[in-house]
């Protein structure tokens, strides 16, 4: 379990508490703040899960792009990786194949980040 998953879970709990307290005392702003914290926590927890699954960190630029842009760039990186792998196999270059695999993994992560961002809209 990585840092993003732990911090994300903590934010979700904090948000749940804020939302509950806001409901009890009739404070709509506190309730809204709690919902925002919960959503941020969910996103951060999912980012941590993606990082654990693929072994690749999610970069800040991925988090600041919209979902469609991330998916487009992610798909392009996967294609680039596939091409490097194919060329590497043709010429017997294992380093090029390894770089291709790395590009494919990075592309998958970025594509998944884009999918998550789109689903949260």
PDB file of N, CA and C in Angstrom:
ATOM      1  N   UNK A   1       0.857  -1.173   0.000  1.00  0.00           N
ATOM      2  CA  UNK A   1       0.000   0.000   0.000  1.00  0.00           C
ATOM      3  C   UNK A   1       0.901   1.233   0.000  1.00  0.00           C
ATOM      4  N   UNK A   2       0.636   2.145  -0.934  1.00  0.00           N
ATOM      5  CA  UNK A   2       1.505   3.316  -1.011  1.00  0.00           C
ATOM      6  C   UNK A   2       0.885   4.537  -0.316  1.00  0.00           C
ATOM      7  N   UNK A   3       1.659   5.610  -0.312  1.00  0.00           N
ATOM      8  CA  UNK A   3       1.279   6.829   0.403  1.00  0.00           C
ATOM      9  C   UNK A   3      -0.051   7.397  -0.097  1.00  0.00           C
ATOM     10  N   UNK A   4      -0.264   7.396  -1.408  1.00  0.00           N
ATOM     11  CA  UNK A   4      -1.502   7.963  -1.949  1.00  0.00           C
ATOM     12  C   UNK A   4      -2.737   7.207  -1.465  1.00  0.00           C
ATOM     13  N   UNK A   5      -2.625   5.910  -1.348  1.00  0.00           N
ATOM     14  CA  UNK A   5      -3.772   5.133  -0.865  1.00  0.00           C
ATOM     15  C   UNK A   5      -4.064   5.441   0.601  1.00  0.00           C
ATOM     16  N   UNK A   6      -3.017   5.585   1.401  1.00  0.00           N
ATOM     17  CA  UNK A   6      -3.195   5.868   2.835  1.00  0.00           C
ATOM     18  C   UNK A   6      -3.768   7.273   3.033  1.00  0.00           C
ATOM     19  N   UNK A   7      -3.149   8.259   2.377  1.00  0.00           N
ATOM     20  CA  UNK A   7      -3.612   9.642   2.510  1.00  0.00           C
ATOM     21  C   UNK A   7      -5.025   9.789   1.939  1.00  0.00           C
ATOM     22  N   UNK A   8      -5.296   9.112   0.838  1.00  0.00           N
ATOM     23  CA  UNK A   8      -6.632   9.164   0.243  1.00  0.00           C
ATOM     24  C   UNK A   8      -7.694   8.608   1.170  1.00  0.00           C
ATOM     25  N   UNK A   9      -7.393   7.500   1.803  1.00  0.00           N
ATOM     26  CA  UNK A   9      -8.343   6.911   2.761  1.00  0.00           C
ATOM     27  C   UNK A   9      -8.576   7.851   3.940  1.00  0.00           C
ATOM     28  N   UNK A  10      -7.508   8.481   4.417  1.00  0.00           N
ATOM     29  CA  UNK A  10      -7.639   9.426   5.533  1.00  0.00           C
ATOM     30  C   UNK A  10      -8.511  10.616   5.137  1.00  0.00           C
ATOM     31  N   UNK A  11      -8.340  11.127   3.915  1.00  0.00           N
ATOM     32  CA  UNK A  11      -9.165  12.246   3.446  1.00  0.00           C
ATOM     33  C   UNK A  11     -10.637  11.844   3.350  1.00  0.00           C
ATOM     34  N   UNK A  12     -10.879  10.613   2.933  1.00  0.00           N
ATOM     35  CA  UNK A  12     -12.263  10.149   2.851  1.00  0.00           C
ATOM     36  C   UNK A  12     -12.911  10.115   4.238  1.00  0.00           C
ATOM     37  N   UNK A  13     -12.164   9.628   5.215  1.00  0.00           N
ATOM     38  CA  UNK A  13     -12.680   9.563   6.590  1.00  0.00           C
ATOM     39  C   UNK A  13     -12.920  10.972   7.123  1.00  0.00           C
ATOM     40  N   UNK A  14     -11.941  11.856   6.904  1.00  0.00           N
ATOM     41  CA  UNK A  14     -12.076  13.254   7.332  1.00  0.00           C
ATOM     42  C   UNK A  14     -13.313  13.884   6.698  1.00  0.00           C
ATOM     43  N   UNK A  15     -13.515  13.627   5.409  1.00  0.00           N
ATOM     44  CA  UNK A  15     -14.674  14.175   4.716  1.00  0.00           C
ATOM     45  C   UNK A  15     -15.986  13.639   5.248  1.00  0.00           C
ATOM     46  N   UNK A  16     -16.017  12.358   5.578  1.00  0.00           N
ATOM     47  CA  UNK A  16     -17.231  11.755   6.143  1.00  0.00           C
ATOM     48  C   UNK A  16     -17.582  12.405   7.479  1.00  0.00           C
ATOM     49  N   UNK A  17     -16.548  12.636   8.284  1.00  0.00           N
ATOM     50  CA  UNK A  17     -16.773  13.265   9.590  1.00  0.00           C
ATOM     51  C   UNK A  17     -17.296  14.692   9.411  1.00  0.00           C
ATOM     52  N   UNK A  18     -16.640  15.469   8.533  1.00  0.00           N
ATOM     53  CA  UNK A  18     -17.086  16.842   8.279  1.00  0.00           C
ATOM     54  C   UNK A  18     -18.536  16.862   7.794  1.00  0.00           C
ATOM     55  N   UNK A  19     -18.848  15.962   6.885  1.00  0.00           N
ATOM     56  CA  UNK A  19     -20.191  15.925   6.321  1.00  0.00           C
ATOM     57  C   UNK A  19     -21.217  15.592   7.407  1.00  0.00           C
ATOM     58  N   UNK A  20     -20.903  14.627   8.261  1.00  0.00           N
ATOM     59  CA  UNK A  20     -21.817  14.237   9.332  1.00  0.00           C
ATOM     60  C   UNK A  20     -22.014  15.370  10.333  1.00  0.00           C
ATOM     61  N   UNK A  21     -20.916  16.014  10.723  1.00  0.00           N
ATOM     62  CA  UNK A  21     -21.011  17.130  11.674  1.00  0.00           C
ATOM     63  C   UNK A  21     -21.814  18.270  11.050  1.00  0.00           C
ATOM     64  N   UNK A  22     -21.554  18.545   9.773  1.00  0.00           N
ATOM     65  CA  UNK A  22     -22.300  19.595   9.088  1.00  0.00           C
ATOM     66  C   UNK A  22     -23.786  19.313   9.053  1.00  0.00           C
ATOM     67  N   UNK A  23     -24.130  18.054   8.878  1.00  0.00           N
ATOM     68  CA  UNK A  23     -25.540  17.656   8.851  1.00  0.00           C
ATOM     69  C   UNK A  23     -26.173  17.846  10.232  1.00  0.00           C
ATOM     70  N   UNK A  24     -25.444  17.446  11.282  1.00  0.00           N
ATOM     71  CA  UNK A  24     -25.963  17.543  12.651  1.00  0.00           C
ATOM     72  C   UNK A  24     -26.182  18.992  13.065  1.00  0.00           C
ATOM     73  N   UNK A  25     -25.208  19.859  12.734  1.00  0.00           N
ATOM     74  CA  UNK A  25     -25.322  21.265  13.170  1.00  0.00           C
ATOM     75  C   UNK A  25     -26.020  22.153  12.139  1.00  0.00           C
ATOM     76  N   UNK A  26     -26.411  21.574  11.019  1.00  0.00           N
ATOM     77  CA  UNK A  26     -27.125  22.339   9.999  1.00  0.00           C
ATOM     78  C   UNK A  26     -26.241  23.295   9.225  1.00  0.00           C
ATOM     79  N   UNK A  27     -24.978  22.952   9.037  1.00  0.00           N
ATOM     80  CA  UNK A  27     -24.024  23.805   8.323  1.00  0.00           C
ATOM     81  C   UNK A  27     -23.799  23.238   6.923  1.00  0.00           C
ATOM     82  N   UNK A  28     -24.452  23.838   5.932  1.00  0.00           N
ATOM     83  CA  UNK A  28     -24.375  23.345   4.557  1.00  0.00           C
ATOM     84  C   UNK A  28     -22.961  23.456   3.990  1.00  0.00           C
ATOM     85  N   UNK A  29     -22.231  24.510   4.367  1.00  0.00           N
ATOM     86  CA  UNK A  29     -20.866  24.675   3.870  1.00  0.00           C
ATOM     87  C   UNK A  29     -19.960  23.562   4.390  1.00  0.00           C
ATOM     88  N   UNK A  30     -20.098  23.220   5.653  1.00  0.00           N
ATOM     89  CA  UNK A  30     -19.298  22.149   6.234  1.00  0.00           C
ATOM     90  C   UNK A  30     -19.624  20.808   5.562  1.00  0.00           C
ATOM     91  N   UNK A  31     -20.902  20.592   5.279  1.00  0.00           N
ATOM     92  CA  UNK A  31     -21.305  19.378   4.572  1.00  0.00           C
ATOM     93  C   UNK A  31     -20.661  19.328   3.180  1.00  0.00           C
ATOM     94  N   UNK A  32     -20.686  20.454   2.476  1.00  0.00           N
ATOM     95  CA  UNK A  32     -20.101  20.516   1.136  1.00  0.00           C
ATOM     96  C   UNK A  32     -18.594  20.299   1.189  1.00  0.00           C
ATOM     97  N   UNK A  33     -17.941  20.925   2.172  1.00  0.00           N
ATOM     98  CA  UNK A  33     -16.500  20.717   2.344  1.00  0.00           C
ATOM     99  C   UNK A  33     -16.193  19.243   2.599  1.00  0.00           C
ATOM    100  N   UNK A  34     -17.033  18.602   3.384  1.00  0.00           N
ATOM    101  CA  UNK A  34     -16.852  17.184   3.656  1.00  0.00           C
ATOM    102  C   UNK A  34     -16.979  16.338   2.404  1.00  0.00           C
ATOM    103  N   UNK A  35     -17.937  16.670   1.564  1.00  0.00           N
ATOM    104  CA  UNK A  35     -18.125  15.930   0.310  1.00  0.00           C
ATOM    105  C   UNK A  35     -16.924  16.131  -0.608  1.00  0.00           C
ATOM    106  N   UNK A  36     -16.388  17.346  -0.639  1.00  0.00           N
ATOM    107  CA  UNK A  36     -15.194  17.620  -1.452  1.00  0.00           C
ATOM    108  C   UNK A  36     -14.010  16.805  -0.944  1.00  0.00           C
ATOM    109  N   UNK A  37     -13.814  16.784   0.361  1.00  0.00           N
ATOM    110  CA  UNK A  37     -12.718  15.994   0.941  1.00  0.00           C
ATOM    111  C   UNK A  37     -12.876  14.510   0.602  1.00  0.00           C
ATOM    112  N   UNK A  38     -14.107  14.007   0.682  1.00  0.00           N
ATOM    113  CA  UNK A  38     -14.350  12.606   0.350  1.00  0.00           C
ATOM    114  C   UNK A  38     -13.986  12.315  -1.098  1.00  0.00           C
ATOM    115  N   UNK A  39     -14.395  13.189  -2.002  1.00  0.00           N
ATOM    116  CA  UNK A  39     -14.115  12.981  -3.425  1.00  0.00           C
ATOM    117  C   UNK A  39     -12.622  13.050  -3.698  1.00  0.00           C
ATOM    118  N   UNK A  40     -11.939  14.044  -3.116  1.00  0.00           N
ATOM    119  CA  UNK A  40     -10.485  14.136  -3.277  1.00  0.00           C
ATOM    120  C   UNK A  40      -9.801  12.880  -2.742  1.00  0.00           C
ATOM    121  N   UNK A  41     -10.282  12.391  -1.626  1.00  0.00           N
ATOM    122  CA  UNK A  41      -9.721  11.178  -1.039  1.00  0.00           C
ATOM    123  C   UNK A  41      -9.916   9.970  -1.927  1.00  0.00           C
ATOM    124  N   UNK A  42     -11.093   9.858  -2.533  1.00  0.00           N
ATOM    125  CA  UNK A  42     -11.359   8.742  -3.449  1.00  0.00           C
ATOM    126  C   UNK A  42     -10.407   8.787  -4.634  1.00  0.00           C
ATOM    127  N   UNK A  43     -10.249   9.984  -5.205  1.00  0.00           N
ATOM    128  CA  UNK A  43      -9.348  10.133  -6.355  1.00  0.00           C
ATOM    129  C   UNK A  43      -7.924   9.760  -5.960  1.00  0.00           C
ATOM    130  N   UNK A  44      -7.453  10.274  -4.833  1.00  0.00           N
ATOM    131  CA  UNK A  44      -6.084   9.989  -4.403  1.00  0.00           C
ATOM    132  C   UNK A  44      -5.897   8.504  -4.100  1.00  0.00           C
ATOM    133  N   UNK A  45      -6.905   7.874  -3.542  1.00  0.00           N
ATOM    134  CA  UNK A  45      -6.826   6.448  -3.258  1.00  0.00           C
ATOM    135  C   UNK A  45      -6.754   5.636  -4.558  1.00  0.00           C
ATOM    136  N   UNK A  46      -7.550   6.034  -5.548  1.00  0.00           N
ATOM    137  CA  UNK A  46      -7.517   5.340  -6.848  1.00  0.00           C
ATOM    138  C   UNK A  46      -6.161   5.545  -7.514  1.00  0.00           C
ATOM    139  N   UNK A  47      -5.606   6.754  -7.420  1.00  0.00           N
ATOM    140  CA  UNK A  47      -4.275   7.018  -7.971  1.00  0.00           C
ATOM    141  C   UNK A  47      -3.262   6.075  -7.323  1.00  0.00           C
ATOM    142  N   UNK A  48      -3.345   5.906  -6.015  1.00  0.00           N
ATOM    143  CA  UNK A  48      -2.451   4.985  -5.320  1.00  0.00           C
ATOM    144  C   UNK A  48      -2.619   3.550  -5.788  1.00  0.00           C
ATOM    145  N   UNK A  49      -3.851   3.147  -6.025  1.00  0.00           N
ATOM    146  CA  UNK A  49      -4.126   1.797  -6.516  1.00  0.00           C
ATOM    147  C   UNK A  49      -3.525   1.596  -7.903  1.00  0.00           C
ATOM    148  N   UNK A  50      -3.668   2.605  -8.766  1.00  0.00           N
ATOM    149  CA  UNK A  50      -3.097   2.539 -10.113  1.00  0.00           C
ATOM    150  C   UNK A  50      -1.581   2.440 -10.028  1.00  0.00           C
ATOM    151  N   UNK A  51      -0.980   3.248  -9.166  1.00  0.00           N
ATOM    152  CA  UNK A  51       0.477   3.212  -9.003  1.00  0.00           C
ATOM    153  C   UNK A  51       0.934   1.841  -8.514  1.00  0.00           C
ATOM    154  N   UNK A  52       0.203   1.262  -7.562  1.00  0.00           N
ATOM    155  CA  UNK A  52       0.551  -0.069  -7.067  1.00  0.00           C
ATOM    156  C   UNK A  52       0.435  -1.120  -8.169  1.00  0.00           C
ATOM    157  N   UNK A  53      -0.625  -1.034  -8.934  1.00  0.00           N
ATOM    158  CA  UNK A  53      -0.887  -2.046  -9.967  1.00  0.00           C
ATOM    159  C   UNK A  53       0.159  -2.022 -11.080  1.00  0.00           C
ATOM    160  N   UNK A  54       0.510  -0.820 -11.527  1.00  0.00           N
ATOM    161  CA  UNK A  54       1.414  -0.706 -12.666  1.00  0.00           C
ATOM    162  C   UNK A  54       2.857  -0.428 -12.280  1.00  0.00           C
ATOM    163  N   UNK A  55       3.099  -0.103 -11.030  1.00  0.00           N
ATOM    164  CA  UNK A  55       4.455   0.179 -10.599  1.00  0.00           C
ATOM    165  C   UNK A  55       5.015   1.465 -11.184  1.00  0.00           C
ATOM    166  N   UNK A  56       4.119   2.347 -11.625  1.00  0.00           N
ATOM    167  CA  UNK A  56       4.512   3.611 -12.236  1.00  0.00           C
ATOM    168  C   UNK A  56       3.806   4.748 -11.512  1.00  0.00           C
ATOM    169  N   UNK A  57       4.534   5.771 -11.081  1.00  0.00           N
ATOM    170  CA  UNK A  57       3.862   6.879 -10.401  1.00  0.00           C
ATOM    171  C   UNK A  57       3.004   7.698 -11.364  1.00  0.00           C
ATOM    172  N   UNK A  58       1.916   8.232 -10.857  1.00  0.00           N
ATOM    173  CA  UNK A  58       1.060   9.128 -11.630  1.00  0.00           C
ATOM    174  C   UNK A  58       1.642  10.520 -11.471  1.00  0.00           C
ATOM    175  N   UNK A  59       1.980  11.150 -12.584  1.00  0.00           N
ATOM    176  CA  UNK A  59       2.629  12.459 -12.523  1.00  0.00           C
ATOM    177  C   UNK A  59       1.614  13.583 -12.290  1.00  0.00           C
ATOM    178  N   UNK A  60       2.116  14.697 -11.788  1.00  0.00           N
ATOM    179  CA  UNK A  60       1.258  15.856 -11.539  1.00  0.00           C
ATOM    180  C   UNK A  60       0.601  16.350 -12.821  1.00  0.00           C
ATOM    181  N   UNK A  61       1.330  16.304 -13.948  1.00  0.00           N
ATOM    182  CA  UNK A  61       0.729  16.798 -15.181  1.00  0.00           C
ATOM    183  C   UNK A  61      -0.466  15.939 -15.594  1.00  0.00           C
ATOM    184  N   UNK A  62      -0.444  14.654 -15.274  1.00  0.00           N
ATOM    185  CA  UNK A  62      -1.598  13.804 -15.570  1.00  0.00           C
ATOM    186  C   UNK A  62      -2.808  14.254 -14.749  1.00  0.00           C
ATOM    187  N   UNK A  63      -2.570  14.621 -13.508  1.00  0.00           N
ATOM    188  CA  UNK A  63      -3.666  15.008 -12.633  1.00  0.00           C
ATOM    189  C   UNK A  63      -4.260  16.356 -13.020  1.00  0.00           C
ATOM    190  N   UNK A  64      -3.486  17.197 -13.693  1.00  0.00           N
ATOM    191  CA  UNK A  64      -3.974  18.530 -14.054  1.00  0.00           C
ATOM    192  C   UNK A  64      -4.596  18.585 -15.441  1.00  0.00           C
ATOM    193  N   UNK A  65      -4.484  17.510 -16.209  1.00  0.00           N
ATOM    194  CA  UNK A  65      -5.126  17.470 -17.532  1.00  0.00           C
ATOM    195  C   UNK A  65      -6.537  16.925 -17.392  1.00  0.00           C
ATOM    196  N   UNK A  66      -7.367  17.241 -18.388  1.00  0.00           N
ATOM    197  CA  UNK A  66      -8.704  16.665 -18.349  1.00  0.00           C
ATOM    198  C   UNK A  66      -8.650  15.208 -18.807  1.00  0.00           C
ATOM    199  N   UNK A  67      -9.734  14.497 -18.603  1.00  0.00           N
ATOM    200  CA  UNK A  67      -9.775  13.064 -18.888  1.00  0.00           C
ATOM    201  C   UNK A  67      -9.521  12.721 -20.340  1.00  0.00           C
ATOM    202  N   UNK A  68     -10.128  13.484 -21.254  1.00  0.00           N
ATOM    203  CA  UNK A  68      -9.968  13.189 -22.687  1.00  0.00           C
ATOM    204  C   UNK A  68      -8.518  13.359 -23.123  1.00  0.00           C
ATOM    205  N   UNK A  69      -7.874  14.409 -22.642  1.00  0.00           N
ATOM    206  CA  UNK A  69      -6.475  14.655 -23.000  1.00  0.00           C
ATOM    207  C   UNK A  69      -5.585  13.540 -22.476  1.00  0.00           C
ATOM    208  N   UNK A  70      -5.799  13.130 -21.231  1.00  0.00           N
ATOM    209  CA  UNK A  70      -5.021  12.030 -20.665  1.00  0.00           C
ATOM    210  C   UNK A  70      -5.217  10.747 -21.475  1.00  0.00           C
ATOM    211  N   UNK A  71      -6.446  10.473 -21.858  1.00  0.00           N
ATOM    212  CA  UNK A  71      -6.709   9.244 -22.616  1.00  0.00           C
ATOM    213  C   UNK A  71      -6.035   9.296 -23.977  1.00  0.00           C
ATOM    214  N   UNK A  72      -6.074  10.451 -24.626  1.00  0.00           N
ATOM    215  CA  UNK A  72      -5.451  10.598 -25.936  1.00  0.00           C
ATOM    216  C   UNK A  72      -3.933  10.440 -25.834  1.00  0.00           C
ATOM    217  N   UNK A  73      -3.317  11.123 -24.893  1.00  0.00           N
ATOM    218  CA  UNK A  73      -1.864  11.027 -24.717  1.00  0.00           C
ATOM    219  C   UNK A  73      -1.475   9.610 -24.293  1.00  0.00           C
ATOM    220  N   UNK A  74      -2.275   9.010 -23.413  1.00  0.00           N
ATOM    221  CA  UNK A  74      -2.002   7.646 -22.973  1.00  0.00           C
ATOM    222  C   UNK A  74      -2.042   6.659 -24.126  1.00  0.00           C
ATOM    223  N   UNK A  75      -3.030   6.798 -24.988  1.00  0.00           N
ATOM    224  CA  UNK A  75      -3.124   5.910 -26.154  1.00  0.00           C
ATOM    225  C   UNK A  75      -1.936   6.101 -27.092  1.00  0.00           C
ATOM    226  N   UNK A  76      -1.532   7.353 -27.276  1.00  0.00           N
ATOM    227  CA  UNK A  76      -0.374   7.631 -28.136  1.00  0.00           C
ATOM    228  C   UNK A  76       0.894   6.999 -27.559  1.00  0.00           C
ATOM    229  N   UNK A  77       1.066   7.065 -26.245  1.00  0.00           N
ATOM    230  CA  UNK A  77       2.243   6.460 -25.607  1.00  0.00           C
ATOM    231  C   UNK A  77       2.224   4.938 -25.754  1.00  0.00           C
ATOM    232  N   UNK A  78       1.046   4.351 -25.686  1.00  0.00           N
ATOM    233  CA  UNK A  78       0.948   2.897 -25.865  1.00  0.00           C
ATOM    234  C   UNK A  78       1.325   2.499 -27.293  1.00  0.00           C
ATOM    235  N   UNK A  79       0.869   3.273 -28.258  1.00  0.00           N
ATOM    236  CA  UNK A  79       1.208   2.993 -29.660  1.00  0.00           C
ATOM    237  C   UNK A  79       2.714   3.154 -29.869  1.00  0.00           C
ATOM    238  N   UNK A  80       3.267   4.238 -29.337  1.00  0.00           N
ATOM    239  CA  UNK A  80       4.713   4.474 -29.425  1.00  0.00           C
ATOM    240  C   UNK A  80       5.481   3.297 -28.819  1.00  0.00           C
ATOM    241  N   UNK A  81       5.016   2.811 -27.667  1.00  0.00           N
ATOM    242  CA  UNK A  81       5.659   1.675 -27.020  1.00  0.00           C
ATOM    243  C   UNK A  81       5.592   0.419 -27.874  1.00  0.00           C
ATOM    244  N   UNK A  82       4.442   0.174 -28.465  1.00  0.00           N
ATOM    245  CA  UNK A  82       4.287  -1.005 -29.326  1.00  0.00           C
ATOM    246  C   UNK A  82       5.224  -0.937 -30.527  1.00  0.00           C
ATOM    247  N   UNK A  83       5.374   0.265 -31.082  1.00  0.00           N
ATOM    248  CA  UNK A  83       6.278   0.434 -32.230  1.00  0.00           C
ATOM    249  C   UNK A  83       7.727   0.181 -31.813  1.00  0.00           C
ATOM    250  N   UNK A  84       8.125   0.690 -30.651  1.00  0.00           N
ATOM    251  CA  UNK A  84       9.493   0.465 -30.171  1.00  0.00           C
ATOM    252  C   UNK A  84       9.745  -1.021 -29.939  1.00  0.00           C
ATOM    253  N   UNK A  85       8.762  -1.698 -29.393  1.00  0.00           N
ATOM    254  CA  UNK A  85       8.912  -3.138 -29.155  1.00  0.00           C
ATOM    255  C   UNK A  85       9.099  -3.872 -30.479  1.00  0.00           C
ATOM    256  N   UNK A  86       8.266  -3.537 -31.455  1.00  0.00           N
ATOM    257  CA  UNK A  86       8.339  -4.210 -32.756  1.00  0.00           C
ATOM    258  C   UNK A  86       9.683  -3.960 -33.440  1.00  0.00           C
ATOM    259  N   UNK A  87      10.119  -2.701 -33.436  1.00  0.00           N
ATOM    260  CA  UNK A  87      11.403  -2.378 -34.059  1.00  0.00           C
ATOM    261  C   UNK A  87      12.542  -3.044 -33.296  1.00  0.00           C
ATOM    262  N   UNK A  88      12.453  -3.023 -31.974  1.00  0.00           N
ATOM    263  CA  UNK A  88      13.478  -3.664 -31.155  1.00  0.00           C
ATOM    264  C   UNK A  88      13.599  -5.154 -31.458  1.00  0.00           C
ATOM    265  N   UNK A  89      12.472  -5.809 -31.671  1.00  0.00           N
ATOM    266  CA  UNK A  89      12.493  -7.235 -32.017  1.00  0.00           C
ATOM    267  C   UNK A  89      13.119  -7.453 -33.390  1.00  0.00           C
ATOM    268  N   UNK A  90      12.779  -6.577 -34.336  1.00  0.00           N
ATOM    269  CA  UNK A  90      13.315  -6.701 -35.696  1.00  0.00           C
ATOM    270  C   UNK A  90      14.833  -6.578 -35.737  1.00  0.00           C
ATOM    271  N   UNK A  91      15.349  -5.631 -34.967  1.00  0.00           N
ATOM    272  CA  UNK A  91      16.792  -5.383 -35.015  1.00  0.00           C
ATOM    273  C   UNK A  91      17.551  -6.054 -33.863  1.00  0.00           C
ATOM    274  N   UNK A  92      16.832  -6.763 -33.015  1.00  0.00           N
ATOM    275  CA  UNK A  92      17.475  -7.463 -31.907  1.00  0.00           C
ATOM    276  C   UNK A  92      17.973  -6.542 -30.802  1.00  0.00           C
ATOM    277  N   UNK A  93      17.290  -5.421 -30.590  1.00  0.00           N
ATOM    278  CA  UNK A  93      17.697  -4.443 -29.568  1.00  0.00           C
ATOM    279  C   UNK A  93      16.803  -4.604 -28.330  1.00  0.00           C
ATOM    280  N   UNK A  94      17.322  -5.276 -27.306  1.00  0.00           N
ATOM    281  CA  UNK A  94      16.522  -5.520 -26.107  1.00  0.00           C
ATOM    282  C   UNK A  94      16.275  -4.248 -25.290  1.00  0.00           C
ATOM    283  N   UNK A  95      17.209  -3.287 -25.365  1.00  0.00           N
ATOM    284  CA  UNK A  95      17.000  -2.019 -24.657  1.00  0.00           C
ATOM    285  C   UNK A  95      15.819  -1.253 -25.256  1.00  0.00           C
ATOM    286  N   UNK A  96      15.714  -1.273 -26.577  1.00  0.00           N
ATOM    287  CA  UNK A  96      14.608  -0.601 -27.248  1.00  0.00           C
ATOM    288  C   UNK A  96      13.288  -1.289 -26.893  1.00  0.00           C
ATOM    289  N   UNK A  97      13.317  -2.595 -26.800  1.00  0.00           N
ATOM    290  CA  UNK A  97      12.117  -3.333 -26.409  1.00  0.00           C
ATOM    291  C   UNK A  97      11.698  -2.962 -24.979  1.00  0.00           C
ATOM    292  N   UNK A  98      12.684  -2.847 -24.094  1.00  0.00           N
ATOM    293  CA  UNK A  98      12.396  -2.474 -22.704  1.00  0.00           C
ATOM    294  C   UNK A  98      11.815  -1.063 -22.623  1.00  0.00           C
ATOM    295  N   UNK A  99      12.373  -0.144 -23.415  1.00  0.00           N
ATOM    296  CA  UNK A  99      11.822   1.216 -23.457  1.00  0.00           C
ATOM    297  C   UNK A  99      10.396   1.194 -23.985  1.00  0.00           C
ATOM    298  N   UNK A 100      10.151   0.345 -24.963  1.00  0.00           N
ATOM    299  CA  UNK A 100       8.799   0.202 -25.502  1.00  0.00           C
ATOM    300  C   UNK A 100       7.829  -0.298 -24.446  1.00  0.00           C
ATOM    301  N   UNK A 101       8.258  -1.277 -23.668  1.00  0.00           N
ATOM    302  CA  UNK A 101       7.401  -1.783 -22.589  1.00  0.00           C
ATOM    303  C   UNK A 101       7.118  -0.690 -21.562  1.00  0.00           C
ATOM    304  N   UNK A 102       8.132   0.106 -21.254  1.00  0.00           N
ATOM    305  CA  UNK A 102       7.950   1.202 -20.299  1.00  0.00           C
ATOM    306  C   UNK A 102       6.963   2.230 -20.841  1.00  0.00           C
ATOM    307  N   UNK A 103       7.066   2.558 -22.137  1.00  0.00           N
ATOM    308  CA  UNK A 103       6.122   3.494 -22.756  1.00  0.00           C
ATOM    309  C   UNK A 103       4.692   2.948 -22.703  1.00  0.00           C
ATOM    310  N   UNK A 104       4.546   1.654 -22.940  1.00  0.00           N
ATOM    311  CA  UNK A 104       3.212   1.054 -22.914  1.00  0.00           C
ATOM    312  C   UNK A 104       2.607   1.129 -21.513  1.00  0.00           C
ATOM    313  N   UNK A 105       3.400   0.840 -20.489  1.00  0.00           N
ATOM    314  CA  UNK A 105       2.902   0.896 -19.118  1.00  0.00           C
ATOM    315  C   UNK A 105       2.522   2.326 -18.755  1.00  0.00           C
ATOM    316  N   UNK A 106       3.382   3.273 -19.085  1.00  0.00           N
ATOM    317  CA  UNK A 106       3.080   4.681 -18.798  1.00  0.00           C
ATOM    318  C   UNK A 106       1.803   5.110 -19.521  1.00  0.00           C
ATOM    319  N   UNK A 107       1.650   4.671 -20.758  1.00  0.00           N
ATOM    320  CA  UNK A 107       0.443   4.997 -21.522  1.00  0.00           C
ATOM    321  C   UNK A 107      -0.807   4.399 -20.896  1.00  0.00           C
ATOM    322  N   UNK A 108      -0.707   3.166 -20.420  1.00  0.00           N
ATOM    323  CA  UNK A 108      -1.855   2.523 -19.767  1.00  0.00           C
ATOM    324  C   UNK A 108      -2.258   3.284 -18.509  1.00  0.00           C
ATOM    325  N   UNK A 109      -1.258   3.697 -17.732  1.00  0.00           N
ATOM    326  CA  UNK A 109      -1.538   4.452 -16.512  1.00  0.00           C
ATOM    327  C   UNK A 109      -2.221   5.767 -16.863  1.00  0.00           C
ATOM    328  N   UNK A 110      -1.680   6.486 -17.831  1.00  0.00           N
ATOM    329  CA  UNK A 110      -2.244   7.780 -18.191  1.00  0.00           C
ATOM    330  C   UNK A 110      -3.655   7.611 -18.759  1.00  0.00           C
ATOM    331  N   UNK A 111      -3.863   6.577 -19.534  1.00  0.00           N
ATOM    332  CA  UNK A 111      -5.186   6.308 -20.086  1.00  0.00           C
ATOM    333  C   UNK A 111      -6.173   6.020 -18.954  1.00  0.00           C
ATOM    334  N   UNK A 112      -5.741   5.237 -17.975  1.00  0.00           N
ATOM    335  CA  UNK A 112      -6.601   4.912 -16.846  1.00  0.00           C
ATOM    336  C   UNK A 112      -6.916   6.149 -16.015  1.00  0.00           C
ATOM    337  N   UNK A 113      -5.938   7.016 -15.816  1.00  0.00           N
ATOM    338  CA  UNK A 113      -6.183   8.270 -15.087  1.00  0.00           C
ATOM    339  C   UNK A 113      -7.248   9.085 -15.835  1.00  0.00           C
ATOM    340  N   UNK A 114      -7.137   9.139 -17.150  1.00  0.00           N
ATOM    341  CA  UNK A 114      -8.139   9.856 -17.943  1.00  0.00           C
ATOM    342  C   UNK A 114      -9.522   9.257 -17.814  1.00  0.00           C
ATOM    343  N   UNK A 115      -9.593   7.944 -17.822  1.00  0.00           N
ATOM    344  CA  UNK A 115     -10.888   7.263 -17.664  1.00  0.00           C
ATOM    345  C   UNK A 115     -11.493   7.570 -16.305  1.00  0.00           C
ATOM    346  N   UNK A 116     -10.674   7.543 -15.278  1.00  0.00           N
ATOM    347  CA  UNK A 116     -11.168   7.850 -13.924  1.00  0.00           C
ATOM    348  C   UNK A 116     -11.678   9.284 -13.854  1.00  0.00           C
ATOM    349  N   UNK A 117     -10.898  10.217 -14.417  1.00  0.00           N
ATOM    350  CA  UNK A 117     -11.301  11.623 -14.374  1.00  0.00           C
ATOM    351  C   UNK A 117     -12.629  11.840 -15.113  1.00  0.00           C
ATOM    352  N   UNK A 118     -12.790  11.148 -16.247  1.00  0.00           N
ATOM    353  CA  UNK A 118     -14.038  11.288 -16.994  1.00  0.00           C
ATOM    354  C   UNK A 118     -15.218  10.704 -16.220  1.00  0.00           C
ATOM    355  N   UNK A 119     -14.988   9.620 -15.511  1.00  0.00           N
ATOM    356  CA  UNK A 119     -16.081   8.990 -14.779  1.00  0.00           C
ATOM    357  C   UNK A 119     -16.522   9.804 -13.566  1.00  0.00           C
ATOM    358  N   UNK A 120     -15.653  10.689 -13.069  1.00  0.00           N
ATOM    359  CA  UNK A 120     -15.986  11.504 -11.910  1.00  0.00           C
ATOM    360  C   UNK A 120     -16.771  12.758 -12.266  1.00  0.00           C
ATOM    361  N   UNK A 121     -16.934  13.028 -13.540  1.00  0.00           N
ATOM    362  CA  UNK A 121     -17.681  14.239 -13.945  1.00  0.00           C
ATOM    363  C   UNK A 121     -19.148  14.086 -13.687  1.00  0.00           C
TER     364      UNK A 121
END
